[in-house]
Amino acid sequence: MSTKKLSVRLVKAARALLDWSQDDLAKASGVSSPTIGRLEAEDGELGGRAETGEKLRRALEKAGIEFTNGNAPGVRLKKR
């Protein structure tokens, strides 16, 4: 799903699957907690710079998240 922007709901769902707080995601991604809070305050596509979204995506994927796409965008834990 790297060619499409993440949605706020997918980021929140990914954090929930990992049992991560915004601070946990900040530490893993290098994006500040206040920035993550601002991005998650709105619904819809994740705002901000494209590189910020990519940092979040990479951190979540490294932690075991798989973003699905197609007709049913979603998020799940990768099979180990």
PDB file of N, CA and C in Angstrom:
ATOM      1  N   MET A   1       0.816  -1.198   0.000  1.00  0.00           N
ATOM      2  CA  MET A   1       0.000   0.000   0.000  1.00  0.00           C
ATOM      3  C   MET A   1       0.850   1.248   0.000  1.00  0.00           C
ATOM      4  N   SER A   2       2.104   1.135  -0.220  1.00  0.00           N
ATOM      5  CA  SER A   2       2.996   2.274  -0.086  1.00  0.00           C
ATOM      6  C   SER A   2       2.751   3.370  -1.109  1.00  0.00           C
ATOM      7  N   THR A   3       2.033   3.083  -2.192  1.00  0.00           N
ATOM      8  CA  THR A   3       1.767   4.125  -3.171  1.00  0.00           C
ATOM      9  C   THR A   3       0.560   4.975  -2.775  1.00  0.00           C
ATOM     10  N   LYS A   4      -0.227   4.521  -1.822  1.00  0.00           N
ATOM     11  CA  LYS A   4      -1.393   5.271  -1.380  1.00  0.00           C
ATOM     12  C   LYS A   4      -1.126   5.867  -0.011  1.00  0.00           C
ATOM     13  N   LYS A   5      -1.801   6.990   0.258  1.00  0.00           N
ATOM     14  CA  LYS A   5      -1.664   7.594   1.575  1.00  0.00           C
ATOM     15  C   LYS A   5      -2.371   6.748   2.617  1.00  0.00           C
ATOM     16  N   LEU A   6      -1.825   6.763   3.799  1.00  0.00           N
ATOM     17  CA  LEU A   6      -2.459   6.089   4.921  1.00  0.00           C
ATOM     18  C   LEU A   6      -3.658   6.889   5.393  1.00  0.00           C
ATOM     19  N   SER A   7      -4.620   6.207   5.956  1.00  0.00           N
ATOM     20  CA  SER A   7      -5.721   6.924   6.601  1.00  0.00           C
ATOM     21  C   SER A   7      -5.441   6.958   8.092  1.00  0.00           C
ATOM     22  N   VAL A   8      -6.034   7.924   8.754  1.00  0.00           N
ATOM     23  CA  VAL A   8      -5.900   8.049  10.199  1.00  0.00           C
ATOM     24  C   VAL A   8      -6.411   6.782  10.876  1.00  0.00           C
ATOM     25  N   ARG A   9      -7.524   6.252  10.396  1.00  0.00           N
ATOM     26  CA  ARG A   9      -8.092   5.046  10.999  1.00  0.00           C
ATOM     27  C   ARG A   9      -7.150   3.853  10.903  1.00  0.00           C
ATOM     28  N   LEU A  10      -6.435   3.715   9.784  1.00  0.00           N
ATOM     29  CA  LEU A  10      -5.493   2.611   9.642  1.00  0.00           C
ATOM     30  C   LEU A  10      -4.327   2.751  10.607  1.00  0.00           C
ATOM     31  N   VAL A  11      -3.832   3.961  10.787  1.00  0.00           N
ATOM     32  CA  VAL A  11      -2.731   4.182  11.730  1.00  0.00           C
ATOM     33  C   VAL A  11      -3.183   3.844  13.143  1.00  0.00           C
ATOM     34  N   LYS A  12      -4.375   4.311  13.517  1.00  0.00           N
ATOM     35  CA  LYS A  12      -4.893   4.012  14.855  1.00  0.00           C
ATOM     36  C   LYS A  12      -5.125   2.516  15.040  1.00  0.00           C
ATOM     37  N   ALA A  13      -5.646   1.863  14.009  1.00  0.00           N
ATOM     38  CA  ALA A  13      -5.880   0.419  14.092  1.00  0.00           C
ATOM     39  C   ALA A  13      -4.561  -0.334  14.222  1.00  0.00           C
ATOM     40  N   ALA A  14      -3.557   0.090  13.486  1.00  0.00           N
ATOM     41  CA  ALA A  14      -2.250  -0.545  13.563  1.00  0.00           C
ATOM     42  C   ALA A  14      -1.658  -0.381  14.959  1.00  0.00           C
ATOM     43  N   ARG A  15      -1.782   0.813  15.512  1.00  0.00           N
ATOM     44  CA  ARG A  15      -1.282   1.033  16.873  1.00  0.00           C
ATOM     45  C   ARG A  15      -2.014   0.148  17.873  1.00  0.00           C
ATOM     46  N   ALA A  16      -3.318   0.008  17.678  1.00  0.00           N
ATOM     47  CA  ALA A  16      -4.111  -0.823  18.588  1.00  0.00           C
ATOM     48  C   ALA A  16      -3.676  -2.289  18.510  1.00  0.00           C
ATOM     49  N   LEU A  17      -3.426  -2.792  17.299  1.00  0.00           N
ATOM     50  CA  LEU A  17      -2.975  -4.178  17.146  1.00  0.00           C
ATOM     51  C   LEU A  17      -1.639  -4.415  17.842  1.00  0.00           C
ATOM     52  N   LEU A  18      -0.797  -3.402  17.825  1.00  0.00           N
ATOM     53  CA  LEU A  18       0.514  -3.510  18.456  1.00  0.00           C
ATOM     54  C   LEU A  18       0.483  -3.149  19.937  1.00  0.00           C
ATOM     55  N   ASP A  19      -0.658  -2.628  20.398  1.00  0.00           N
ATOM     56  CA  ASP A  19      -0.789  -2.109  21.758  1.00  0.00           C
ATOM     57  C   ASP A  19       0.220  -0.989  21.992  1.00  0.00           C
ATOM     58  N   TRP A  20       0.333  -0.110  21.000  1.00  0.00           N
ATOM     59  CA  TRP A  20       1.255   1.026  21.047  1.00  0.00           C
ATOM     60  C   TRP A  20       0.505   2.308  21.343  1.00  0.00           C
ATOM     61  N   SER A  21       1.119   3.160  22.130  1.00  0.00           N
ATOM     62  CA  SER A  21       0.639   4.515  22.349  1.00  0.00           C
ATOM     63  C   SER A  21       1.205   5.410  21.240  1.00  0.00           C
ATOM     64  N   GLN A  22       0.767   6.649  21.209  1.00  0.00           N
ATOM     65  CA  GLN A  22       1.363   7.595  20.264  1.00  0.00           C
ATOM     66  C   GLN A  22       2.846   7.775  20.573  1.00  0.00           C
ATOM     67  N   ASP A  23       3.209   7.729  21.851  1.00  0.00           N
ATOM     68  CA  ASP A  23       4.620   7.843  22.232  1.00  0.00           C
ATOM     69  C   ASP A  23       5.443   6.664  21.699  1.00  0.00           C
ATOM     70  N   ASP A  24       4.865   5.463  21.746  1.00  0.00           N
ATOM     71  CA  ASP A  24       5.562   4.290  21.208  1.00  0.00           C
ATOM     72  C   ASP A  24       5.818   4.461  19.712  1.00  0.00           C
ATOM     73  N   LEU A  25       4.801   4.923  18.992  1.00  0.00           N
ATOM     74  CA  LEU A  25       4.959   5.140  17.554  1.00  0.00           C
ATOM     75  C   LEU A  25       5.975   6.243  17.291  1.00  0.00           C
ATOM     76  N   ALA A  26       5.985   7.272  18.120  1.00  0.00           N
ATOM     77  CA  ALA A  26       6.950   8.365  17.969  1.00  0.00           C
ATOM     78  C   ALA A  26       8.376   7.838  18.106  1.00  0.00           C
ATOM     79  N   LYS A  27       8.605   7.020  19.130  1.00  0.00           N
ATOM     80  CA  LYS A  27       9.947   6.468  19.347  1.00  0.00           C
ATOM     81  C   LYS A  27      10.379   5.587  18.179  1.00  0.00           C
ATOM     82  N   ALA A  28       9.466   4.800  17.659  1.00  0.00           N
ATOM     83  CA  ALA A  28       9.803   3.871  16.577  1.00  0.00           C
ATOM     84  C   ALA A  28       9.988   4.563  15.235  1.00  0.00           C
ATOM     85  N   SER A  29       9.297   5.679  15.031  1.00  0.00           N
ATOM     86  CA  SER A  29       9.291   6.323  13.717  1.00  0.00           C
ATOM     87  C   SER A  29      10.178   7.551  13.606  1.00  0.00           C
ATOM     88  N   GLY A  30      10.507   8.175  14.740  1.00  0.00           N
ATOM     89  CA  GLY A  30      11.252   9.430  14.691  1.00  0.00           C
ATOM     90  C   GLY A  30      10.370  10.635  14.439  1.00  0.00           C
ATOM     91  N   VAL A  31       9.055  10.435  14.463  1.00  0.00           N
ATOM     92  CA  VAL A  31       8.086  11.528  14.321  1.00  0.00           C
ATOM     93  C   VAL A  31       7.642  11.905  15.740  1.00  0.00           C
ATOM     94  N   SER A  32       7.570  13.186  16.052  1.00  0.00           N
ATOM     95  CA  SER A  32       7.256  13.592  17.418  1.00  0.00           C
ATOM     96  C   SER A  32       5.835  13.207  17.827  1.00  0.00           C
ATOM     97  N   SER A  33       5.671  12.976  19.127  1.00  0.00           N
ATOM     98  CA  SER A  33       4.343  12.643  19.664  1.00  0.00           C
ATOM     99  C   SER A  33       3.317  13.735  19.372  1.00  0.00           C
ATOM    100  N   PRO A  34       3.660  15.024  19.569  1.00  0.00           N
ATOM    101  CA  PRO A  34       2.678  16.064  19.237  1.00  0.00           C
ATOM    102  C   PRO A  34       2.257  16.045  17.763  1.00  0.00           C
ATOM    103  N   THR A  35       3.193  15.738  16.875  1.00  0.00           N
ATOM    104  CA  THR A  35       2.850  15.656  15.448  1.00  0.00           C
ATOM    105  C   THR A  35       1.892  14.499  15.199  1.00  0.00           C
ATOM    106  N   ILE A  36       2.173  13.349  15.795  1.00  0.00           N
ATOM    107  CA  ILE A  36       1.278  12.200  15.630  1.00  0.00           C
ATOM    108  C   ILE A  36      -0.099  12.534  16.184  1.00  0.00           C
ATOM    109  N   GLY A  37      -0.148  13.194  17.324  1.00  0.00           N
ATOM    110  CA  GLY A  37      -1.424  13.604  17.905  1.00  0.00           C
ATOM    111  C   GLY A  37      -2.208  14.516  16.981  1.00  0.00           C
ATOM    112  N   ARG A  38      -1.525  15.479  16.382  1.00  0.00           N
ATOM    113  CA  ARG A  38      -2.205  16.395  15.444  1.00  0.00           C
ATOM    114  C   ARG A  38      -2.709  15.643  14.219  1.00  0.00           C
ATOM    115  N   LEU A  39      -1.878  14.740  13.692  1.00  0.00           N
ATOM    116  CA  LEU A  39      -2.290  13.981  12.503  1.00  0.00           C
ATOM    117  C   LEU A  39      -3.482  13.085  12.801  1.00  0.00           C
ATOM    118  N   GLU A  40      -3.511  12.507  13.996  1.00  0.00           N
ATOM    119  CA  GLU A  40      -4.597  11.596  14.355  1.00  0.00           C
ATOM    120  C   GLU A  40      -5.853  12.315  14.822  1.00  0.00           C
ATOM    121  N   ALA A  41      -5.788  13.620  14.993  1.00  0.00           N
ATOM    122  CA  ALA A  41      -6.948  14.380  15.485  1.00  0.00           C
ATOM    123  C   ALA A  41      -8.040  14.515  14.424  1.00  0.00           C
ATOM    124  N   GLU A  42      -7.684  14.354  13.175  1.00  0.00           N
ATOM    125  CA  GLU A  42      -8.642  14.466  12.078  1.00  0.00           C
ATOM    126  C   GLU A  42      -8.959  13.083  11.537  1.00  0.00           C
ATOM    127  N   ASP A  43     -10.078  12.955  10.858  1.00  0.00           N
ATOM    128  CA  ASP A  43     -10.420  11.696  10.203  1.00  0.00           C
ATOM    129  C   ASP A  43     -10.048  11.814   8.729  1.00  0.00           C
ATOM    130  N   GLY A  44     -10.012  10.717   8.031  1.00  0.00           N
ATOM    131  CA  GLY A  44      -9.705  10.730   6.608  1.00  0.00           C
ATOM    132  C   GLY A  44      -8.264  10.372   6.356  1.00  0.00           C
ATOM    133  N   GLU A  45      -7.734  10.862   5.225  1.00  0.00           N
ATOM    134  CA  GLU A  45      -6.342  10.588   4.891  1.00  0.00           C
ATOM    135  C   GLU A  45      -5.426  11.269   5.888  1.00  0.00           C
ATOM    136  N   LEU A  46      -4.314  10.603   6.182  1.00  0.00           N
ATOM    137  CA  LEU A  46      -3.324  11.172   7.077  1.00  0.00           C
ATOM    138  C   LEU A  46      -2.740  12.422   6.432  1.00  0.00           C
ATOM    139  N   GLY A  47      -2.810  13.530   7.131  1.00  0.00           N
ATOM    140  CA  GLY A  47      -2.283  14.783   6.596  1.00  0.00           C
ATOM    141  C   GLY A  47      -0.778  14.859   6.761  1.00  0.00           C
ATOM    142  N   GLY A  48      -0.264  16.053   6.635  1.00  0.00           N
ATOM    143  CA  GLY A  48       1.170  16.266   6.813  1.00  0.00           C
ATOM    144  C   GLY A  48       1.965  15.942   5.571  1.00  0.00           C
ATOM    145  N   ARG A  49       3.267  15.956   5.748  1.00  0.00           N
ATOM    146  CA  ARG A  49       4.173  15.680   4.627  1.00  0.00           C
ATOM    147  C   ARG A  49       4.173  14.189   4.284  1.00  0.00           C
ATOM    148  N   ALA A  50       4.405  13.908   3.028  1.00  0.00           N
ATOM    149  CA  ALA A  50       4.447  12.516   2.567  1.00  0.00           C
ATOM    150  C   ALA A  50       5.531  11.729   3.297  1.00  0.00           C
ATOM    151  N   GLU A  51       6.676  12.367   3.544  1.00  0.00           N
ATOM    152  CA  GLU A  51       7.760  11.647   4.216  1.00  0.00           C
ATOM    153  C   GLU A  51       7.411  11.303   5.666  1.00  0.00           C
ATOM    154  N   THR A  52       6.560  12.103   6.288  1.00  0.00           N
ATOM    155  CA  THR A  52       6.105  11.786   7.644  1.00  0.00           C
ATOM    156  C   THR A  52       5.254  10.523   7.625  1.00  0.00           C
ATOM    157  N   GLY A  53       4.336  10.445   6.691  1.00  0.00           N
ATOM    158  CA  GLY A  53       3.513   9.250   6.546  1.00  0.00           C
ATOM    159  C   GLY A  53       4.344   8.016   6.264  1.00  0.00           C
ATOM    160  N   GLU A  54       5.394   8.171   5.458  1.00  0.00           N
ATOM    161  CA  GLU A  54       6.263   7.035   5.147  1.00  0.00           C
ATOM    162  C   GLU A  54       7.047   6.579   6.370  1.00  0.00           C
ATOM    163  N   LYS A  55       7.472   7.517   7.208  1.00  0.00           N
ATOM    164  CA  LYS A  55       8.165   7.145   8.450  1.00  0.00           C
ATOM    165  C   LYS A  55       7.235   6.333   9.349  1.00  0.00           C
ATOM    166  N   LEU A  56       5.986   6.771   9.446  1.00  0.00           N
ATOM    167  CA  LEU A  56       5.013   6.046  10.265  1.00  0.00           C
ATOM    168  C   LEU A  56       4.762   4.662   9.692  1.00  0.00           C
ATOM    169  N   ARG A  57       4.573   4.586   8.380  1.00  0.00           N
ATOM    170  CA  ARG A  57       4.319   3.312   7.719  1.00  0.00           C
ATOM    171  C   ARG A  57       5.479   2.347   7.939  1.00  0.00           C
ATOM    172  N   ARG A  58       6.706   2.825   7.719  1.00  0.00           N
ATOM    173  CA  ARG A  58       7.875   1.952   7.877  1.00  0.00           C
ATOM    174  C   ARG A  58       8.000   1.437   9.306  1.00  0.00           C
ATOM    175  N   ALA A  59       7.766   2.303  10.282  1.00  0.00           N
ATOM    176  CA  ALA A  59       7.872   1.884  11.687  1.00  0.00           C
ATOM    177  C   ALA A  59       6.824   0.827  12.018  1.00  0.00           C
ATOM    178  N   LEU A  60       5.599   1.026  11.542  1.00  0.00           N
ATOM    179  CA  LEU A  60       4.535   0.068  11.811  1.00  0.00           C
ATOM    180  C   LEU A  60       4.798  -1.261  11.111  1.00  0.00           C
ATOM    181  N   GLU A  61       5.256  -1.201   9.871  1.00  0.00           N
ATOM    182  CA  GLU A  61       5.552  -2.426   9.131  1.00  0.00           C
ATOM    183  C   GLU A  61       6.722  -3.174   9.764  1.00  0.00           C
ATOM    184  N   LYS A  62       7.733  -2.452  10.218  1.00  0.00           N
ATOM    185  CA  LYS A  62       8.880  -3.090  10.880  1.00  0.00           C
ATOM    186  C   LYS A  62       8.437  -3.806  12.157  1.00  0.00           C
ATOM    187  N   ALA A  63       7.395  -3.269  12.809  1.00  0.00           N
ATOM    188  CA  ALA A  63       6.884  -3.859  14.043  1.00  0.00           C
ATOM    189  C   ALA A  63       5.952  -5.035  13.793  1.00  0.00           C
ATOM    190  N   GLY A  64       5.653  -5.325  12.520  1.00  0.00           N
ATOM    191  CA  GLY A  64       4.837  -6.494  12.213  1.00  0.00           C
ATOM    192  C   GLY A  64       3.469  -6.220  11.632  1.00  0.00           C
ATOM    193  N   ILE A  65       3.224  -4.985  11.238  1.00  0.00           N
ATOM    194  CA  ILE A  65       1.934  -4.621  10.649  1.00  0.00           C
ATOM    195  C   ILE A  65       1.989  -4.802   9.137  1.00  0.00           C
ATOM    196  N   GLU A  66       0.893  -5.291   8.581  1.00  0.00           N
ATOM    197  CA  GLU A  66       0.742  -5.391   7.134  1.00  0.00           C
ATOM    198  C   GLU A  66      -0.484  -4.573   6.747  1.00  0.00           C
ATOM    199  N   PHE A  67      -0.273  -3.634   5.835  1.00  0.00           N
ATOM    200  CA  PHE A  67      -1.394  -2.847   5.322  1.00  0.00           C
ATOM    201  C   PHE A  67      -1.941  -3.557   4.103  1.00  0.00           C
ATOM    202  N   THR A  68      -3.254  -3.771   4.092  1.00  0.00           N
ATOM    203  CA  THR A  68      -3.891  -4.433   2.957  1.00  0.00           C
ATOM    204  C   THR A  68      -4.523  -3.360   2.087  1.00  0.00           C
ATOM    205  N   ASN A  69      -4.796  -3.699   0.850  1.00  0.00           N
ATOM    206  CA  ASN A  69      -5.405  -2.708  -0.037  1.00  0.00           C
ATOM    207  C   ASN A  69      -6.455  -3.370  -0.901  1.00  0.00           C
ATOM    208  N   GLY A  70      -6.725  -2.770  -2.010  1.00  0.00           N
ATOM    209  CA  GLY A  70      -7.774  -3.292  -2.876  1.00  0.00           C
ATOM    210  C   GLY A  70      -9.122  -2.724  -2.477  1.00  0.00           C
ATOM    211  N   ASN A  71     -10.155  -3.520  -2.617  1.00  0.00           N
ATOM    212  CA  ASN A  71     -11.501  -3.052  -2.298  1.00  0.00           C
ATOM    213  C   ASN A  71     -11.763  -2.979  -0.807  1.00  0.00           C
ATOM    214  N   ALA A  72     -10.879  -3.558  -0.005  1.00  0.00           N
ATOM    215  CA  ALA A  72     -11.080  -3.571   1.442  1.00  0.00           C
ATOM    216  C   ALA A  72      -9.793  -3.160   2.156  1.00  0.00           C
ATOM    217  N   PRO A  73      -9.441  -1.872   2.117  1.00  0.00           N
ATOM    218  CA  PRO A  73      -8.222  -1.461   2.797  1.00  0.00           C
ATOM    219  C   PRO A  73      -8.308  -1.783   4.280  1.00  0.00           C
ATOM    220  N   GLY A  74      -7.216  -2.247   4.815  1.00  0.00           N
ATOM    221  CA  GLY A  74      -7.217  -2.602   6.221  1.00  0.00           C
ATOM    222  C   GLY A  74      -5.816  -2.797   6.736  1.00  0.00           C
ATOM    223  N   VAL A  75      -5.748  -3.365   7.923  1.00  0.00           N
ATOM    224  CA  VAL A  75      -4.471  -3.563   8.587  1.00  0.00           C
ATOM    225  C   VAL A  75      -4.566  -4.879   9.373  1.00  0.00           C
ATOM    226  N   ARG A  76      -3.451  -5.604   9.400  1.00  0.00           N
ATOM    227  CA  ARG A  76      -3.406  -6.844  10.152  1.00  0.00           C
ATOM    228  C   ARG A  76      -1.959  -7.099  10.566  1.00  0.00           C
ATOM    229  N   LEU A  77      -1.806  -8.003  11.515  1.00  0.00           N
ATOM    230  CA  LEU A  77      -0.474  -8.428  11.907  1.00  0.00           C
ATOM    231  C   LEU A  77       0.043  -9.416  10.875  1.00  0.00           C
ATOM    232  N   LYS A  78       1.304  -9.289  10.505  1.00  0.00           N
ATOM    233  CA  LYS A  78       1.906 -10.226   9.554  1.00  0.00           C
ATOM    234  C   LYS A  78       1.966 -11.603  10.190  1.00  0.00           C
ATOM    235  N   LYS A  79       1.829 -12.601   9.360  1.00  0.00           N
ATOM    236  CA  LYS A  79       1.964 -13.976   9.843  1.00  0.00           C
ATOM    237  C   LYS A  79       3.441 -14.233  10.106  1.00  0.00           C
ATOM    238  N   ARG A  80       3.708 -14.881  11.208  1.00  0.00           N
ATOM    239  CA  ARG A  80       5.115 -15.137  11.573  1.00  0.00           C
ATOM    240  C   ARG A  80       5.524 -16.516  11.195  1.00  0.00           C
TER     241      ARG A  80
END
